[in-house]
Amino acid sequence: MRQAKAIEQNGLCAYCECKLTGDDGNLPKGIAHIDHFHRRNDHPEQTFNWDNLFLSCKKDSHCGLYKDYKRRHTEDIIHPRSEQPQEYITFVSDSSFGVYARPLPKNNRARAEYTIKAFNLNAPELVAQRYQSLIENRIQIDNLTEEIECAIEYELWEEQAELISKAIKLLQDFSTLPYASTIMAYAKERWTDYMDISQ
């Protein structure tokens, strides 16, 4: 079951998006656990519901174990499968070399804030790891942004179309990386004027 969930989740923790699988795609023993989004004690009818099961890292300072230790009301948490978390939460870099989870203003801020708190998505180690992932991938986004802007400035429409296609492909590649939502939020910020990447 854990391996099946690892494949389904691109080898990432369902909540913090840290990498759980090895380079071969296999999930090492003891690195993750199956989290019941709705706790079995509170919702026994959800025990074997596939959509209630998520592969989570085993860190007790954040994610699934943290949620259960703190006894959070899951009805108030944004569901990672039946809802679109990126419509509620974004990731913002600041000057202290960290990337923080922040509620988006357009949707239910209270649920976004509760979700961030429930999984402790701004735990110091996550803030630092997201920043490192962003640094490793930001240069590709920045370089492509400059190329798109240059094509627009010189009215190279065919080249602009090719570059935007390249950006869309890059977004697909980013979606499977650790801390994908951080990288995607940065790309969205840079590219939103050039193409529709709202999905």
C-alpha atoms as a PDB file:
ATOM      1  CA  MET A   1       0.000   0.000   0.000  1.00  0.00           C
ATOM      2  CA  ARG A   2       2.811   2.429   0.864  1.00  0.00           C
ATOM      3  CA  GLN A   3       4.531   1.818  -2.470  1.00  0.00           C
ATOM      4  CA  ALA A   4       1.255   2.310  -4.356  1.00  0.00           C
ATOM      5  CA  LYS A   5       0.721   5.605  -2.559  1.00  0.00           C
ATOM      6  CA  ALA A   6       4.318   6.622  -3.290  1.00  0.00           C
ATOM      7  CA  ILE A   7       3.701   6.118  -7.010  1.00  0.00           C
ATOM      8  CA  GLU A   8       0.411   8.001  -6.836  1.00  0.00           C
ATOM      9  CA  GLN A   9       2.063  10.938  -5.011  1.00  0.00           C
ATOM     10  CA  ASN A  10       5.180  11.152  -7.239  1.00  0.00           C
ATOM     11  CA  GLY A  11       7.270   9.881  -4.344  1.00  0.00           C
ATOM     12  CA  LEU A  12       6.474  12.943  -2.223  1.00  0.00           C
ATOM     13  CA  CYS A  13       4.904  13.455   1.184  1.00  0.00           C
ATOM     14  CA  ALA A  14       1.255  14.417   0.631  1.00  0.00           C
ATOM     15  CA  TYR A  15       1.557  17.386   2.980  1.00  0.00           C
ATOM     16  CA  CYS A  16       5.044  18.936   2.960  1.00  0.00           C
ATOM     17  CA  GLU A  17       6.176  17.509  -0.429  1.00  0.00           C
ATOM     18  CA  CYS A  18       9.537  16.260   0.817  1.00  0.00           C
ATOM     19  CA  LYS A  19      11.043  13.385  -1.189  1.00  0.00           C
ATOM     20  CA  LEU A  20      10.271   9.961   0.262  1.00  0.00           C
ATOM     21  CA  THR A  21      11.405   7.553  -2.441  1.00  0.00           C
ATOM     22  CA  GLY A  22      14.882   6.747  -3.650  1.00  0.00           C
ATOM     23  CA  ASP A  23      16.196   7.476  -7.140  1.00  0.00           C
ATOM     24  CA  ASP A  24      14.785   4.119  -8.251  1.00  0.00           C
ATOM     25  CA  GLY A  25      11.272   5.137  -7.187  1.00  0.00           C
ATOM     26  CA  ASN A  26      11.144   2.624  -4.361  1.00  0.00           C
ATOM     27  CA  LEU A  27      10.045   3.613  -0.888  1.00  0.00           C
ATOM     28  CA  PRO A  28      12.615   2.635   1.788  1.00  0.00           C
ATOM     29  CA  LYS A  29      11.270   0.986   4.914  1.00  0.00           C
ATOM     30  CA  GLY A  30      10.580   3.186   7.912  1.00  0.00           C
ATOM     31  CA  ILE A  31      10.679   6.530   6.083  1.00  0.00           C
ATOM     32  CA  ALA A  32       6.941   7.103   5.739  1.00  0.00           C
ATOM     33  CA  HIS A  33       3.598   6.037   7.095  1.00  0.00           C
ATOM     34  CA  ILE A  34       0.025   5.862   5.852  1.00  0.00           C
ATOM     35  CA  ASP A  35      -1.859   8.775   7.349  1.00  0.00           C
ATOM     36  CA  HIS A  36      -5.625   8.605   7.775  1.00  0.00           C
ATOM     37  CA  PHE A  37      -6.628  12.160   6.911  1.00  0.00           C
ATOM     38  CA  HIS A  38      -9.785  11.672   8.989  1.00  0.00           C
ATOM     39  CA  ARG A  39      -8.617   9.800  12.082  1.00  0.00           C
ATOM     40  CA  ARG A  40      -9.821   6.212  12.444  1.00  0.00           C
ATOM     41  CA  ASN A  41     -10.975   6.843  16.017  1.00  0.00           C
ATOM     42  CA  ASP A  42     -13.151   9.765  14.911  1.00  0.00           C
ATOM     43  CA  HIS A  43     -14.277   8.373  11.538  1.00  0.00           C
ATOM     44  CA  PRO A  44     -14.069   4.552  11.582  1.00  0.00           C
ATOM     45  CA  GLU A  45     -16.072   4.416   8.340  1.00  0.00           C
ATOM     46  CA  GLN A  46     -13.094   6.095   6.587  1.00  0.00           C
ATOM     47  CA  THR A  47     -10.544   3.488   7.695  1.00  0.00           C
ATOM     48  CA  PHE A  48     -10.285   1.732   4.321  1.00  0.00           C
ATOM     49  CA  ASN A  49     -11.331   4.608   2.076  1.00  0.00           C
ATOM     50  CA  TRP A  50      -8.478   5.024  -0.444  1.00  0.00           C
ATOM     51  CA  ASP A  51      -9.155   8.774  -0.724  1.00  0.00           C
ATOM     52  CA  ASN A  52      -8.698   9.103   3.044  1.00  0.00           C
ATOM     53  CA  LEU A  53      -5.228   7.538   2.968  1.00  0.00           C
ATOM     54  CA  PHE A  54      -2.092   9.573   2.294  1.00  0.00           C
ATOM     55  CA  LEU A  55       1.585   8.774   2.392  1.00  0.00           C
ATOM     56  CA  SER A  56       3.176  11.132   4.900  1.00  0.00           C
ATOM     57  CA  CYS A  57       6.705  11.625   6.166  1.00  0.00           C
ATOM     58  CA  LYS A  58       7.339  10.426   9.701  1.00  0.00           C
ATOM     59  CA  LYS A  59       8.450  13.784  11.100  1.00  0.00           C
ATOM     60  CA  ASP A  60       6.632  14.511  14.342  1.00  0.00           C
ATOM     61  CA  SER A  61       7.280  18.263  13.995  1.00  0.00           C
ATOM     62  CA  HIS A  62       4.979  18.580  10.970  1.00  0.00           C
ATOM     63  CA  CYS A  63       2.647  16.743   8.561  1.00  0.00           C
ATOM     64  CA  GLY A  64       0.460  13.727   9.418  1.00  0.00           C
ATOM     65  CA  LEU A  65       1.904  12.779  12.804  1.00  0.00           C
ATOM     66  CA  TYR A  66       1.825  16.408  13.935  1.00  0.00           C
ATOM     67  CA  LYS A  67      -1.827  16.723  12.869  1.00  0.00           C
ATOM     68  CA  ASP A  68      -2.805  13.667  14.889  1.00  0.00           C
ATOM     69  CA  TYR A  69      -0.801  14.626  17.981  1.00  0.00           C
ATOM     70  CA  LYS A  70      -2.539  17.995  18.058  1.00  0.00           C
ATOM     71  CA  ARG A  71      -5.999  16.461  17.445  1.00  0.00           C
ATOM     72  CA  ARG A  72      -6.941  18.860  14.662  1.00  0.00           C
ATOM     73  CA  HIS A  73     -10.493  19.020  13.286  1.00  0.00           C
ATOM     74  CA  THR A  74      -9.975  17.631   9.794  1.00  0.00           C
ATOM     75  CA  GLU A  75     -13.317  19.005   8.618  1.00  0.00           C
ATOM     76  CA  ASP A  76     -11.645  22.447   8.725  1.00  0.00           C
ATOM     77  CA  ILE A  77      -8.501  21.336   6.860  1.00  0.00           C
ATOM     78  CA  ILE A  78      -8.200  21.658   3.086  1.00  0.00           C
ATOM     79  CA  HIS A  79      -8.350  18.132   1.679  1.00  0.00           C
ATOM     80  CA  PRO A  80      -5.318  17.454  -0.553  1.00  0.00           C
ATOM     81  CA  ARG A  81      -7.251  15.291  -3.006  1.00  0.00           C
ATOM     82  CA  SER A  82     -10.864  16.478  -3.207  1.00  0.00           C
ATOM     83  CA  GLU A  83      -9.870  20.157  -3.071  1.00  0.00           C
ATOM     84  CA  GLN A  84      -7.136  22.218  -4.743  1.00  0.00           C
ATOM     85  CA  PRO A  85      -4.742  23.399  -1.998  1.00  0.00           C
ATOM     86  CA  GLN A  86      -2.980  25.779  -4.434  1.00  0.00           C
ATOM     87  CA  GLU A  87      -6.224  27.763  -4.612  1.00  0.00           C
ATOM     88  CA  TYR A  88      -5.948  28.488  -0.887  1.00  0.00           C
ATOM     89  CA  ILE A  89      -2.223  28.442  -0.059  1.00  0.00           C
ATOM     90  CA  THR A  90       0.860  29.829  -1.772  1.00  0.00           C
ATOM     91  CA  PHE A  91       4.557  29.872  -0.888  1.00  0.00           C
ATOM     92  CA  VAL A  92       6.478  33.110  -0.468  1.00  0.00           C
ATOM     93  CA  SER A  93      10.215  33.692  -0.150  1.00  0.00           C
ATOM     94  CA  ASP A  94      11.446  36.388   2.218  1.00  0.00           C
ATOM     95  CA  SER A  95      14.766  38.049   2.926  1.00  0.00           C
ATOM     96  CA  SER A  96      15.661  35.610   5.716  1.00  0.00           C
ATOM     97  CA  PHE A  97      16.444  32.769   3.278  1.00  0.00           C
ATOM     98  CA  GLY A  98      13.179  30.938   3.840  1.00  0.00           C
ATOM     99  CA  VAL A  99       9.998  30.073   1.978  1.00  0.00           C
ATOM    100  CA  TYR A 100       6.800  30.293   3.998  1.00  0.00           C
ATOM    101  CA  ALA A 101       3.312  28.900   3.423  1.00  0.00           C
ATOM    102  CA  ARG A 102       0.826  31.790   3.246  1.00  0.00           C
ATOM    103  CA  PRO A 103      -2.959  31.936   2.730  1.00  0.00           C
ATOM    104  CA  LEU A 104      -4.170  33.371  -0.552  1.00  0.00           C
ATOM    105  CA  PRO A 105      -6.526  36.301  -0.008  1.00  0.00           C
ATOM    106  CA  LYS A 106      -9.124  35.325  -2.603  1.00  0.00           C
ATOM    107  CA  ASN A 107     -10.424  32.164  -0.914  1.00  0.00           C
ATOM    108  CA  ASN A 108     -11.259  31.055   2.614  1.00  0.00           C
ATOM    109  CA  ARG A 109      -8.309  32.441   4.585  1.00  0.00           C
ATOM    110  CA  ALA A 110      -9.473  30.847   7.822  1.00  0.00           C
ATOM    111  CA  ARG A 111      -9.305  27.333   6.359  1.00  0.00           C
ATOM    112  CA  ALA A 112      -5.949  28.057   4.740  1.00  0.00           C
ATOM    113  CA  GLU A 113      -4.523  29.335   8.030  1.00  0.00           C
ATOM    114  CA  TYR A 114      -5.955  26.350   9.902  1.00  0.00           C
ATOM    115  CA  THR A 115      -4.450  23.935   7.354  1.00  0.00           C
ATOM    116  CA  ILE A 116      -1.012  25.559   7.624  1.00  0.00           C
ATOM    117  CA  LYS A 117      -1.251  25.334  11.405  1.00  0.00           C
ATOM    118  CA  ALA A 118      -2.667  21.782  11.426  1.00  0.00           C
ATOM    119  CA  PHE A 119       0.314  20.394   9.495  1.00  0.00           C
ATOM    120  CA  ASN A 120       2.792  22.975  10.857  1.00  0.00           C
ATOM    121  CA  LEU A 121       3.796  23.826   7.294  1.00  0.00           C
ATOM    122  CA  ASN A 122       6.010  26.654   8.507  1.00  0.00           C
ATOM    123  CA  ALA A 123       8.183  24.439  10.677  1.00  0.00           C
ATOM    124  CA  PRO A 124      11.743  25.863  10.492  1.00  0.00           C
ATOM    125  CA  GLU A 125      13.162  22.829   8.684  1.00  0.00           C
ATOM    126  CA  LEU A 126      10.453  23.031   5.996  1.00  0.00           C
ATOM    127  CA  VAL A 127      10.997  26.759   5.527  1.00  0.00           C
ATOM    128  CA  ALA A 128      14.715  26.116   4.940  1.00  0.00           C
ATOM    129  CA  GLN A 129      14.253  23.036   2.725  1.00  0.00           C
ATOM    130  CA  ARG A 130      11.763  24.836   0.487  1.00  0.00           C
ATOM    131  CA  TYR A 131      14.199  27.704   0.068  1.00  0.00           C
ATOM    132  CA  GLN A 132      16.990  25.311  -0.916  1.00  0.00           C
ATOM    133  CA  SER A 133      14.728  23.649  -3.493  1.00  0.00           C
ATOM    134  CA  LEU A 134      13.777  27.042  -4.903  1.00  0.00           C
ATOM    135  CA  ILE A 135      17.432  28.100  -5.199  1.00  0.00           C
ATOM    136  CA  GLU A 136      18.233  24.881  -7.079  1.00  0.00           C
ATOM    137  CA  ASN A 137      15.482  25.469  -9.655  1.00  0.00           C
ATOM    138  CA  ARG A 138      15.052  29.244  -9.809  1.00  0.00           C
ATOM    139  CA  ILE A 139      17.779  29.859 -12.393  1.00  0.00           C
ATOM    140  CA  GLN A 140      15.863  27.911 -15.051  1.00  0.00           C
ATOM    141  CA  ILE A 141      12.755  30.006 -14.425  1.00  0.00           C
ATOM    142  CA  ASP A 142      14.669  33.304 -14.401  1.00  0.00           C
ATOM    143  CA  ASN A 143      16.582  32.487 -17.592  1.00  0.00           C
ATOM    144  CA  LEU A 144      13.441  31.461 -19.434  1.00  0.00           C
ATOM    145  CA  THR A 145      11.654  34.608 -18.225  1.00  0.00           C
ATOM    146  CA  GLU A 146      14.437  36.751 -19.729  1.00  0.00           C
ATOM    147  CA  GLU A 147      14.194  34.877 -23.030  1.00  0.00           C
ATOM    148  CA  ILE A 148      10.404  35.351 -23.167  1.00  0.00           C
ATOM    149  CA  GLU A 149      10.717  39.073 -22.365  1.00  0.00           C
ATOM    150  CA  CYS A 150      13.371  39.474 -25.061  1.00  0.00           C
ATOM    151  CA  ALA A 151      11.170  37.721 -27.639  1.00  0.00           C
ATOM    152  CA  ILE A 152       8.283  40.014 -26.711  1.00  0.00           C
ATOM    153  CA  GLU A 153      10.433  43.164 -26.858  1.00  0.00           C
ATOM    154  CA  TYR A 154      11.703  42.323 -30.359  1.00  0.00           C
ATOM    155  CA  GLU A 155       8.319  40.971 -31.489  1.00  0.00           C
ATOM    156  CA  LEU A 156       9.664  37.503 -32.223  1.00  0.00           C
ATOM    157  CA  TRP A 157       6.218  35.900 -32.027  1.00  0.00           C
ATOM    158  CA  GLU A 158       7.200  32.438 -33.246  1.00  0.00           C
ATOM    159  CA  GLU A 159      10.082  32.264 -30.801  1.00  0.00           C
ATOM    160  CA  GLN A 160       7.808  33.548 -28.025  1.00  0.00           C
ATOM    161  CA  ALA A 161       5.328  30.726 -28.719  1.00  0.00           C
ATOM    162  CA  GLU A 162       8.149  28.159 -28.583  1.00  0.00           C
ATOM    163  CA  LEU A 163       9.439  29.586 -25.307  1.00  0.00           C
ATOM    164  CA  ILE A 164       5.982  29.495 -23.747  1.00  0.00           C
ATOM    165  CA  SER A 165       5.649  25.845 -24.819  1.00  0.00           C
ATOM    166  CA  LYS A 166       9.014  25.235 -23.165  1.00  0.00           C
ATOM    167  CA  ALA A 167       7.743  26.929 -19.987  1.00  0.00           C
ATOM    168  CA  ILE A 168       4.638  24.712 -19.922  1.00  0.00           C
ATOM    169  CA  LYS A 169       6.837  21.611 -20.260  1.00  0.00           C
ATOM    170  CA  LEU A 170       9.086  22.893 -17.475  1.00  0.00           C
ATOM    171  CA  LEU A 171       6.058  23.348 -15.215  1.00  0.00           C
ATOM    172  CA  GLN A 172       5.123  19.715 -15.816  1.00  0.00           C
ATOM    173  CA  ASP A 173       8.658  18.668 -14.884  1.00  0.00           C
ATOM    174  CA  PHE A 174       8.582  20.807 -11.745  1.00  0.00           C
ATOM    175  CA  SER A 175       5.318  19.213 -10.578  1.00  0.00           C
ATOM    176  CA  THR A 176       7.117  15.992  -9.626  1.00  0.00           C
ATOM    177  CA  LEU A 177      10.025  17.620  -7.753  1.00  0.00           C
ATOM    178  CA  PRO A 178      10.327  17.888  -3.965  1.00  0.00           C
ATOM    179  CA  TYR A 179       8.592  21.041  -2.704  1.00  0.00           C
ATOM    180  CA  ALA A 180       6.916  21.356  -6.104  1.00  0.00           C
ATOM    181  CA  SER A 181       4.353  23.896  -4.869  1.00  0.00           C
ATOM    182  CA  THR A 182       7.139  26.299  -3.897  1.00  0.00           C
ATOM    183  CA  ILE A 183       8.760  26.121  -7.334  1.00  0.00           C
ATOM    184  CA  MET A 184       5.399  26.357  -9.092  1.00  0.00           C
ATOM    185  CA  ALA A 185       4.400  29.418  -7.039  1.00  0.00           C
ATOM    186  CA  TYR A 186       7.616  31.182  -8.046  1.00  0.00           C
ATOM    187  CA  ALA A 187       7.147  30.227 -11.711  1.00  0.00           C
ATOM    188  CA  LYS A 188       3.544  31.424 -11.607  1.00  0.00           C
ATOM    189  CA  GLU A 189       4.687  34.762 -10.223  1.00  0.00           C
ATOM    190  CA  ARG A 190       7.251  35.168 -13.028  1.00  0.00           C
ATOM    191  CA  TRP A 191       5.170  33.848 -15.929  1.00  0.00           C
ATOM    192  CA  THR A 192       1.596  34.858 -15.138  1.00  0.00           C
ATOM    193  CA  ASP A 193       1.770  37.853 -17.536  1.00  0.00           C
ATOM    194  CA  TYR A 194       2.809  35.647 -20.444  1.00  0.00           C
ATOM    195  CA  MET A 195       0.505  32.640 -20.241  1.00  0.00           C
ATOM    196  CA  ASP A 196      -2.403  31.102 -18.384  1.00  0.00           C
ATOM    197  CA  ILE A 197      -0.898  28.887 -15.694  1.00  0.00           C
ATOM    198  CA  SER A 198      -3.798  29.111 -13.281  1.00  0.00           C
ATOM    199  CA  GLN A 199      -4.344  25.338 -13.312  1.00  0.00           C
END
